[in-house]
Amino acid sequence: MKKRFTEQQIVAILKEGEAGVPAKEICRKHNISDATFYTWRKKYRGMETEDIRRLKQLEAENGKLKRLLADSILDNDALKAALLKKY
């Protein structure tokens, strides 16, 4: 089962690292992998809860827009193919 952490929890975990607590100890305490901790640190360093929440919203919106564009391109290609068959 994949455990989801809230933005507040991620910020709190990263602040522990900024306070000098060793990464191994933080990972063991919160039952996360080293890779997860370092990924969060790379992605969210210096951010507050609202910043992370907004980033996640923007990433979700970006993904939705990319899917809509891909669908539009596929529809366009299908229409072009249908027109070519007609003529």
PDB file of N, CA and C in Angstrom:
ATOM      1  N   MET A   1       0.834  -1.173   0.000  1.00  0.00           N
ATOM      2  CA  MET A   1       0.000   0.000   0.000  1.00  0.00           C
ATOM      3  C   MET A   1       0.886   1.245   0.000  1.00  0.00           C
ATOM      4  N   LYS A   2       0.593   2.167  -0.867  1.00  0.00           N
ATOM      5  CA  LYS A   2       1.364   3.390  -0.978  1.00  0.00           C
ATOM      6  C   LYS A   2       0.853   4.401   0.042  1.00  0.00           C
ATOM      7  N   LYS A   3       1.750   4.898   0.869  1.00  0.00           N
ATOM      8  CA  LYS A   3       1.366   5.868   1.886  1.00  0.00           C
ATOM      9  C   LYS A   3       1.480   7.270   1.305  1.00  0.00           C
ATOM     10  N   ARG A   4       0.440   8.056   1.489  1.00  0.00           N
ATOM     11  CA  ARG A   4       0.428   9.434   1.008  1.00  0.00           C
ATOM     12  C   ARG A   4       0.701  10.368   2.181  1.00  0.00           C
ATOM     13  N   PHE A   5       1.560  11.317   1.953  1.00  0.00           N
ATOM     14  CA  PHE A   5       1.852  12.314   2.966  1.00  0.00           C
ATOM     15  C   PHE A   5       1.220  13.634   2.559  1.00  0.00           C
ATOM     16  N   THR A   6       0.704  14.355   3.539  1.00  0.00           N
ATOM     17  CA  THR A   6       0.127  15.667   3.260  1.00  0.00           C
ATOM     18  C   THR A   6       1.259  16.664   3.041  1.00  0.00           C
ATOM     19  N   GLU A   7       0.897  17.809   2.496  1.00  0.00           N
ATOM     20  CA  GLU A   7       1.890  18.848   2.272  1.00  0.00           C
ATOM     21  C   GLU A   7       2.518  19.275   3.602  1.00  0.00           C
ATOM     22  N   GLN A   8       1.693  19.349   4.662  1.00  0.00           N
ATOM     23  CA  GLN A   8       2.202  19.742   5.974  1.00  0.00           C
ATOM     24  C   GLN A   8       3.224  18.725   6.491  1.00  0.00           C
ATOM     25  N   GLN A   9       2.944  17.444   6.290  1.00  0.00           N
ATOM     26  CA  GLN A   9       3.867  16.410   6.742  1.00  0.00           C
ATOM     27  C   GLN A   9       5.185  16.475   5.976  1.00  0.00           C
ATOM     28  N   ILE A  10       5.113  16.700   4.674  1.00  0.00           N
ATOM     29  CA  ILE A  10       6.331  16.794   3.867  1.00  0.00           C
ATOM     30  C   ILE A  10       7.176  17.970   4.328  1.00  0.00           C
ATOM     31  N   VAL A  11       6.545  19.128   4.547  1.00  0.00           N
ATOM     32  CA  VAL A  11       7.276  20.311   5.012  1.00  0.00           C
ATOM     33  C   VAL A  11       7.925  20.033   6.365  1.00  0.00           C
ATOM     34  N   ALA A  12       7.184  19.400   7.275  1.00  0.00           N
ATOM     35  CA  ALA A  12       7.722  19.100   8.605  1.00  0.00           C
ATOM     36  C   ALA A  12       8.915  18.147   8.515  1.00  0.00           C
ATOM     37  N   ILE A  13       8.824  17.141   7.662  1.00  0.00           N
ATOM     38  CA  ILE A  13       9.913  16.182   7.492  1.00  0.00           C
ATOM     39  C   ILE A  13      11.145  16.886   6.931  1.00  0.00           C
ATOM     40  N   LEU A  14      10.951  17.735   5.933  1.00  0.00           N
ATOM     41  CA  LEU A  14      12.081  18.447   5.343  1.00  0.00           C
ATOM     42  C   LEU A  14      12.705  19.440   6.322  1.00  0.00           C
ATOM     43  N   LYS A  15      11.885  20.039   7.174  1.00  0.00           N
ATOM     44  CA  LYS A  15      12.419  20.972   8.178  1.00  0.00           C
ATOM     45  C   LYS A  15      13.295  20.237   9.190  1.00  0.00           C
ATOM     46  N   GLU A  16      12.970  18.984   9.476  1.00  0.00           N
ATOM     47  CA  GLU A  16      13.831  18.182  10.355  1.00  0.00           C
ATOM     48  C   GLU A  16      15.218  18.058   9.736  1.00  0.00           C
ATOM     49  N   GLY A  17      15.248  17.810   8.426  1.00  0.00           N
ATOM     50  CA  GLY A  17      16.531  17.697   7.742  1.00  0.00           C
ATOM     51  C   GLY A  17      17.293  19.008   7.755  1.00  0.00           C
ATOM     52  N   GLU A  18      16.585  20.121   7.585  1.00  0.00           N
ATOM     53  CA  GLU A  18      17.218  21.439   7.615  1.00  0.00           C
ATOM     54  C   GLU A  18      17.764  21.756   9.009  1.00  0.00           C
ATOM     55  N   ALA A  19      17.136  21.166  10.032  1.00  0.00           N
ATOM     56  CA  ALA A  19      17.569  21.398  11.414  1.00  0.00           C
ATOM     57  C   ALA A  19      18.794  20.560  11.780  1.00  0.00           C
ATOM     58  N   GLY A  20      19.237  19.709  10.860  1.00  0.00           N
ATOM     59  CA  GLY A  20      20.458  18.948  11.105  1.00  0.00           C
ATOM     60  C   GLY A  20      20.260  17.494  11.473  1.00  0.00           C
ATOM     61  N   VAL A  21      19.017  17.025  11.494  1.00  0.00           N
ATOM     62  CA  VAL A  21      18.774  15.614  11.786  1.00  0.00           C
ATOM     63  C   VAL A  21      19.233  14.799  10.577  1.00  0.00           C
ATOM     64  N   PRO A  22      20.029  13.738  10.810  1.00  0.00           N
ATOM     65  CA  PRO A  22      20.520  12.930   9.675  1.00  0.00           C
ATOM     66  C   PRO A  22      19.373  12.311   8.867  1.00  0.00           C
ATOM     67  N   ALA A  23      19.574  12.245   7.557  1.00  0.00           N
ATOM     68  CA  ALA A  23      18.545  11.730   6.651  1.00  0.00           C
ATOM     69  C   ALA A  23      18.136  10.304   7.011  1.00  0.00           C
ATOM     70  N   LYS A  24      19.100   9.467   7.355  1.00  0.00           N
ATOM     71  CA  LYS A  24      18.785   8.073   7.710  1.00  0.00           C
ATOM     72  C   LYS A  24      17.828   8.011   8.899  1.00  0.00           C
ATOM     73  N   GLU A  25      18.064   8.870   9.876  1.00  0.00           N
ATOM     74  CA  GLU A  25      17.210   8.891  11.069  1.00  0.00           C
ATOM     75  C   GLU A  25      15.796   9.372  10.713  1.00  0.00           C
ATOM     76  N   ILE A  26      15.700  10.397   9.879  1.00  0.00           N
ATOM     77  CA  ILE A  26      14.401  10.919   9.447  1.00  0.00           C
ATOM     78  C   ILE A  26      13.626   9.841   8.692  1.00  0.00           C
ATOM     79  N   CYS A  27      14.299   9.161   7.790  1.00  0.00           N
ATOM     80  CA  CYS A  27      13.646   8.120   6.981  1.00  0.00           C
ATOM     81  C   CYS A  27      13.139   6.980   7.861  1.00  0.00           C
ATOM     82  N   ARG A  28      13.956   6.576   8.815  1.00  0.00           N
ATOM     83  CA  ARG A  28      13.544   5.495   9.712  1.00  0.00           C
ATOM     84  C   ARG A  28      12.355   5.944  10.569  1.00  0.00           C
ATOM     85  N   LYS A  29      12.415   7.166  11.087  1.00  0.00           N
ATOM     86  CA  LYS A  29      11.362   7.693  11.958  1.00  0.00           C
ATOM     87  C   LYS A  29      10.012   7.773  11.240  1.00  0.00           C
ATOM     88  N   HIS A  30      10.029   8.204   9.971  1.00  0.00           N
ATOM     89  CA  HIS A  30       8.787   8.411   9.222  1.00  0.00           C
ATOM     90  C   HIS A  30       8.457   7.265   8.268  1.00  0.00           C
ATOM     91  N   ASN A  31       9.290   6.223   8.307  1.00  0.00           N
ATOM     92  CA  ASN A  31       9.084   5.038   7.467  1.00  0.00           C
ATOM     93  C   ASN A  31       8.991   5.407   5.978  1.00  0.00           C
ATOM     94  N   ILE A  32       9.985   6.180   5.517  1.00  0.00           N
ATOM     95  CA  ILE A  32      10.088   6.514   4.093  1.00  0.00           C
ATOM     96  C   ILE A  32      11.460   6.078   3.598  1.00  0.00           C
ATOM     97  N   SER A  33      11.567   5.906   2.304  1.00  0.00           N
ATOM     98  CA  SER A  33      12.849   5.502   1.742  1.00  0.00           C
ATOM     99  C   SER A  33      13.767   6.714   1.607  1.00  0.00           C
ATOM    100  N   ASP A  34      15.061   6.426   1.514  1.00  0.00           N
ATOM    101  CA  ASP A  34      16.025   7.502   1.273  1.00  0.00           C
ATOM    102  C   ASP A  34      15.681   8.231  -0.016  1.00  0.00           C
ATOM    103  N   ALA A  35      15.300   7.465  -1.031  1.00  0.00           N
ATOM    104  CA  ALA A  35      14.984   8.057  -2.336  1.00  0.00           C
ATOM    105  C   ALA A  35      13.822   9.037  -2.224  1.00  0.00           C
ATOM    106  N   THR A  36      12.809   8.671  -1.444  1.00  0.00           N
ATOM    107  CA  THR A  36      11.660   9.564  -1.249  1.00  0.00           C
ATOM    108  C   THR A  36      12.107  10.856  -0.581  1.00  0.00           C
ATOM    109  N   PHE A  37      12.890  10.727   0.480  1.00  0.00           N
ATOM    110  CA  PHE A  37      13.356  11.911   1.194  1.00  0.00           C
ATOM    111  C   PHE A  37      14.146  12.827   0.274  1.00  0.00           C
ATOM    112  N   TYR A  38      15.099  12.274  -0.466  1.00  0.00           N
ATOM    113  CA  TYR A  38      15.941  13.105  -1.327  1.00  0.00           C
ATOM    114  C   TYR A  38      15.157  13.682  -2.510  1.00  0.00           C
ATOM    115  N   THR A  39      14.161  12.947  -2.982  1.00  0.00           N
ATOM    116  CA  THR A  39      13.302  13.476  -4.055  1.00  0.00           C
ATOM    117  C   THR A  39      12.502  14.664  -3.546  1.00  0.00           C
ATOM    118  N   TRP A  40      11.919  14.505  -2.362  1.00  0.00           N
ATOM    119  CA  TRP A  40      11.174  15.618  -1.770  1.00  0.00           C
ATOM    120  C   TRP A  40      12.090  16.813  -1.555  1.00  0.00           C
ATOM    121  N   ARG A  41      13.285  16.557  -1.034  1.00  0.00           N
ATOM    122  CA  ARG A  41      14.216  17.647  -0.743  1.00  0.00           C
ATOM    123  C   ARG A  41      14.591  18.393  -2.019  1.00  0.00           C
ATOM    124  N   LYS A  42      14.827  17.645  -3.067  1.00  0.00           N
ATOM    125  CA  LYS A  42      15.189  18.267  -4.349  1.00  0.00           C
ATOM    126  C   LYS A  42      14.013  19.075  -4.909  1.00  0.00           C
ATOM    127  N   LYS A  43      12.818  18.531  -4.795  1.00  0.00           N
ATOM    128  CA  LYS A  43      11.643  19.145  -5.408  1.00  0.00           C
ATOM    129  C   LYS A  43      11.048  20.267  -4.573  1.00  0.00           C
ATOM    130  N   TYR A  44      11.040  20.113  -3.238  1.00  0.00           N
ATOM    131  CA  TYR A  44      10.295  21.022  -2.376  1.00  0.00           C
ATOM    132  C   TYR A  44      11.153  21.863  -1.431  1.00  0.00           C
ATOM    133  N   ARG A  45      12.463  21.806  -1.543  1.00  0.00           N
ATOM    134  CA  ARG A  45      13.336  22.525  -0.609  1.00  0.00           C
ATOM    135  C   ARG A  45      12.965  24.006  -0.552  1.00  0.00           C
ATOM    136  N   GLY A  46      12.810  24.503   0.646  1.00  0.00           N
ATOM    137  CA  GLY A  46      12.529  25.917   0.848  1.00  0.00           C
ATOM    138  C   GLY A  46      11.067  26.303   0.658  1.00  0.00           C
ATOM    139  N   MET A  47      10.220  25.353   0.318  1.00  0.00           N
ATOM    140  CA  MET A  47       8.811  25.663   0.107  1.00  0.00           C
ATOM    141  C   MET A  47       8.022  25.517   1.400  1.00  0.00           C
ATOM    142  N   GLU A  48       6.923  26.233   1.458  1.00  0.00           N
ATOM    143  CA  GLU A  48       5.980  26.093   2.557  1.00  0.00           C
ATOM    144  C   GLU A  48       4.794  25.259   2.065  1.00  0.00           C
ATOM    145  N   THR A  49       3.898  24.944   2.963  1.00  0.00           N
ATOM    146  CA  THR A  49       2.757  24.076   2.654  1.00  0.00           C
ATOM    147  C   THR A  49       1.959  24.579   1.457  1.00  0.00           C
ATOM    148  N   GLU A  50       1.636  25.862   1.438  1.00  0.00           N
ATOM    149  CA  GLU A  50       0.839  26.420   0.333  1.00  0.00           C
ATOM    150  C   GLU A  50       1.581  26.347  -1.000  1.00  0.00           C
ATOM    151  N   ASP A  51       2.899  26.524  -0.956  1.00  0.00           N
ATOM    152  CA  ASP A  51       3.699  26.441  -2.183  1.00  0.00           C
ATOM    153  C   ASP A  51       3.623  25.034  -2.779  1.00  0.00           C
ATOM    154  N   ILE A  52       3.739  24.034  -1.919  1.00  0.00           N
ATOM    155  CA  ILE A  52       3.683  22.639  -2.382  1.00  0.00           C
ATOM    156  C   ILE A  52       2.293  22.324  -2.920  1.00  0.00           C
ATOM    157  N   ARG A  53       1.274  22.770  -2.214  1.00  0.00           N
ATOM    158  CA  ARG A  53      -0.108  22.528  -2.650  1.00  0.00           C
ATOM    159  C   ARG A  53      -0.324  23.144  -4.038  1.00  0.00           C
ATOM    160  N   ARG A  54       0.131  24.377  -4.228  1.00  0.00           N
ATOM    161  CA  ARG A  54      -0.028  25.066  -5.519  1.00  0.00           C
ATOM    162  C   ARG A  54       0.761  24.352  -6.609  1.00  0.00           C
ATOM    163  N   LEU A  55       1.973  23.901  -6.295  1.00  0.00           N
ATOM    164  CA  LEU A  55       2.777  23.175  -7.274  1.00  0.00           C
ATOM    165  C   LEU A  55       2.065  21.905  -7.723  1.00  0.00           C
ATOM    166  N   LYS A  56       1.496  21.164  -6.777  1.00  0.00           N
ATOM    167  CA  LYS A  56       0.776  19.941  -7.126  1.00  0.00           C
ATOM    168  C   LYS A  56      -0.443  20.239  -7.985  1.00  0.00           C
ATOM    169  N   GLN A  57      -1.154  21.342  -7.675  1.00  0.00           N
ATOM    170  CA  GLN A  57      -2.302  21.731  -8.498  1.00  0.00           C
ATOM    171  C   GLN A  57      -1.866  22.070  -9.916  1.00  0.00           C
ATOM    172  N   LEU A  58      -0.778  22.804 -10.032  1.00  0.00           N
ATOM    173  CA  LEU A  58      -0.286  23.177 -11.363  1.00  0.00           C
ATOM    174  C   LEU A  58       0.171  21.958 -12.153  1.00  0.00           C
ATOM    175  N   GLU A  59       0.827  21.008 -11.476  1.00  0.00           N
ATOM    176  CA  GLU A  59       1.252  19.785 -12.156  1.00  0.00           C
ATOM    177  C   GLU A  59       0.048  18.991 -12.642  1.00  0.00           C
ATOM    178  N   ALA A  60      -1.002  18.910 -11.828  1.00  0.00           N
ATOM    179  CA  ALA A  60      -2.208  18.184 -12.241  1.00  0.00           C
ATOM    180  C   ALA A  60      -2.870  18.880 -13.427  1.00  0.00           C
ATOM    181  N   GLU A  61      -2.955  20.206 -13.366  1.00  0.00           N
ATOM    182  CA  GLU A  61      -3.550  20.968 -14.467  1.00  0.00           C
ATOM    183  C   GLU A  61      -2.729  20.807 -15.744  1.00  0.00           C
ATOM    184  N   ASN A  62      -1.420  20.836 -15.606  1.00  0.00           N
ATOM    185  CA  ASN A  62      -0.541  20.657 -16.755  1.00  0.00           C
ATOM    186  C   ASN A  62      -0.748  19.285 -17.396  1.00  0.00           C
ATOM    187  N   GLY A  63      -0.866  18.245 -16.575  1.00  0.00           N
ATOM    188  CA  GLY A  63      -1.118  16.903 -17.094  1.00  0.00           C
ATOM    189  C   GLY A  63      -2.440  16.822 -17.833  1.00  0.00           C
ATOM    190  N   LYS A  64      -3.458  17.458 -17.273  1.00  0.00           N
ATOM    191  CA  LYS A  64      -4.779  17.468 -17.922  1.00  0.00           C
ATOM    192  C   LYS A  64      -4.708  18.173 -19.277  1.00  0.00           C
ATOM    193  N   LEU A  65      -4.028  19.312 -19.313  1.00  0.00           N
ATOM    194  CA  LEU A  65      -3.900  20.049 -20.571  1.00  0.00           C
ATOM    195  C   LEU A  65      -3.115  19.263 -21.617  1.00  0.00           C
ATOM    196  N   LYS A  66      -2.091  18.548 -21.186  1.00  0.00           N
ATOM    197  CA  LYS A  66      -1.320  17.719 -22.116  1.00  0.00           C
ATOM    198  C   LYS A  66      -2.190  16.610 -22.704  1.00  0.00           C
ATOM    199  N   ARG A  67      -3.033  15.987 -21.860  1.00  0.00           N
ATOM    200  CA  ARG A  67      -3.931  14.944 -22.356  1.00  0.00           C
ATOM    201  C   ARG A  67      -4.944  15.519 -23.343  1.00  0.00           C
ATOM    202  N   LEU A  68      -5.489  16.716 -23.026  1.00  0.00           N
ATOM    203  CA  LEU A  68      -6.437  17.356 -23.939  1.00  0.00           C
ATOM    204  C   LEU A  68      -5.785  17.684 -25.282  1.00  0.00           C
ATOM    205  N   LEU A  69      -4.555  18.164 -25.243  1.00  0.00           N
ATOM    206  CA  LEU A  69      -3.837  18.466 -26.478  1.00  0.00           C
ATOM    207  C   LEU A  69      -3.598  17.190 -27.288  1.00  0.00           C
ATOM    208  N   ALA A  70      -3.201  16.131 -26.616  1.00  0.00           N
ATOM    209  CA  ALA A  70      -2.956  14.864 -27.314  1.00  0.00           C
ATOM    210  C   ALA A  70      -4.247  14.362 -27.966  1.00  0.00           C
ATOM    211  N   ASP A  71      -5.366  14.453 -27.248  1.00  0.00           N
ATOM    212  CA  ASP A  71      -6.652  14.040 -27.814  1.00  0.00           C
ATOM    213  C   ASP A  71      -7.011  14.895 -29.027  1.00  0.00           C
ATOM    214  N   SER A  72      -6.761  16.190 -28.927  1.00  0.00           N
ATOM    215  CA  SER A  72      -7.056  17.101 -30.026  1.00  0.00           C
ATOM    216  C   SER A  72      -6.217  16.776 -31.256  1.00  0.00           C
ATOM    217  N   ILE A  73      -4.950  16.476 -31.035  1.00  0.00           N
ATOM    218  CA  ILE A  73      -4.064  16.113 -32.144  1.00  0.00           C
ATOM    219  C   ILE A  73      -4.526  14.814 -32.798  1.00  0.00           C
ATOM    220  N   LEU A  74      -4.928  13.840 -31.977  1.00  0.00           N
ATOM    221  CA  LEU A  74      -5.423  12.574 -32.528  1.00  0.00           C
ATOM    222  C   LEU A  74      -6.689  12.794 -33.344  1.00  0.00           C
ATOM    223  N   ASP A  75      -7.615  13.622 -32.835  1.00  0.00           N
ATOM    224  CA  ASP A  75      -8.837  13.935 -33.582  1.00  0.00           C
ATOM    225  C   ASP A  75      -8.502  14.616 -34.902  1.00  0.00           C
ATOM    226  N   ASN A  76      -7.569  15.545 -34.871  1.00  0.00           N
ATOM    227  CA  ASN A  76      -7.151  16.261 -36.069  1.00  0.00           C
ATOM    228  C   ASN A  76      -6.568  15.296 -37.099  1.00  0.00           C
ATOM    229  N   ASP A  77      -5.704  14.390 -36.647  1.00  0.00           N
ATOM    230  CA  ASP A  77      -5.114  13.406 -37.559  1.00  0.00           C
ATOM    231  C   ASP A  77      -6.183  12.493 -38.161  1.00  0.00           C
ATOM    232  N   ALA A  78      -7.166  12.101 -37.345  1.00  0.00           N
ATOM    233  CA  ALA A  78      -8.238  11.231 -37.838  1.00  0.00           C
ATOM    234  C   ALA A  78      -9.070  11.960 -38.896  1.00  0.00           C
ATOM    235  N   LEU A  79      -9.343  13.235 -38.667  1.00  0.00           N
ATOM    236  CA  LEU A  79     -10.093  14.013 -39.660  1.00  0.00           C
ATOM    237  C   LEU A  79      -9.307  14.176 -40.951  1.00  0.00           C
ATOM    238  N   LYS A  80      -8.022  14.415 -40.857  1.00  0.00           N
ATOM    239  CA  LYS A  80      -7.176  14.524 -42.041  1.00  0.00           C
ATOM    240  C   LYS A  80      -7.170  13.224 -42.834  1.00  0.00           C
ATOM    241  N   ALA A  81      -7.067  12.100 -42.119  1.00  0.00           N
ATOM    242  CA  ALA A  81      -7.076  10.786 -42.785  1.00  0.00           C
ATOM    243  C   ALA A  81      -8.419  10.546 -43.473  1.00  0.00           C
ATOM    244  N   ALA A  82      -9.494  10.931 -42.825  1.00  0.00           N
ATOM    245  CA  ALA A  82     -10.829  10.735 -43.419  1.00  0.00           C
ATOM    246  C   ALA A  82     -10.991  11.600 -44.663  1.00  0.00           C
ATOM    247  N   LEU A  83     -10.479  12.807 -44.631  1.00  0.00           N
ATOM    248  CA  LEU A  83     -10.564  13.689 -45.789  1.00  0.00           C
ATOM    249  C   LEU A  83      -9.742  13.155 -46.953  1.00  0.00           C
ATOM    250  N   LEU A  84      -8.566  12.613 -46.647  1.00  0.00           N
ATOM    251  CA  LEU A  84      -7.724  12.066 -47.707  1.00  0.00           C
ATOM    252  C   LEU A  84      -8.384  10.852 -48.380  1.00  0.00           C
ATOM    253  N   LYS A  85      -9.071  10.036 -47.611  1.00  0.00           N
ATOM    254  CA  LYS A  85      -9.771   8.875 -48.163  1.00  0.00           C
ATOM    255  C   LYS A  85     -10.925   9.313 -49.044  1.00  0.00           C
ATOM    256  N   LYS A  86     -11.551  10.420 -48.663  1.00  0.00           N
ATOM    257  CA  LYS A  86     -12.699  10.920 -49.423  1.00  0.00           C
ATOM    258  C   LYS A  86     -12.285  11.404 -50.801  1.00  0.00           C
ATOM    259  N   TYR A  87     -11.098  12.009 -50.902  1.00  0.00           N
ATOM    260  CA  TYR A  87     -10.650  12.557 -52.170  1.00  0.00           C
ATOM    261  C   TYR A  87      -9.656  11.665 -52.772  1.00  0.00           C
TER     262      TYR A  87
END
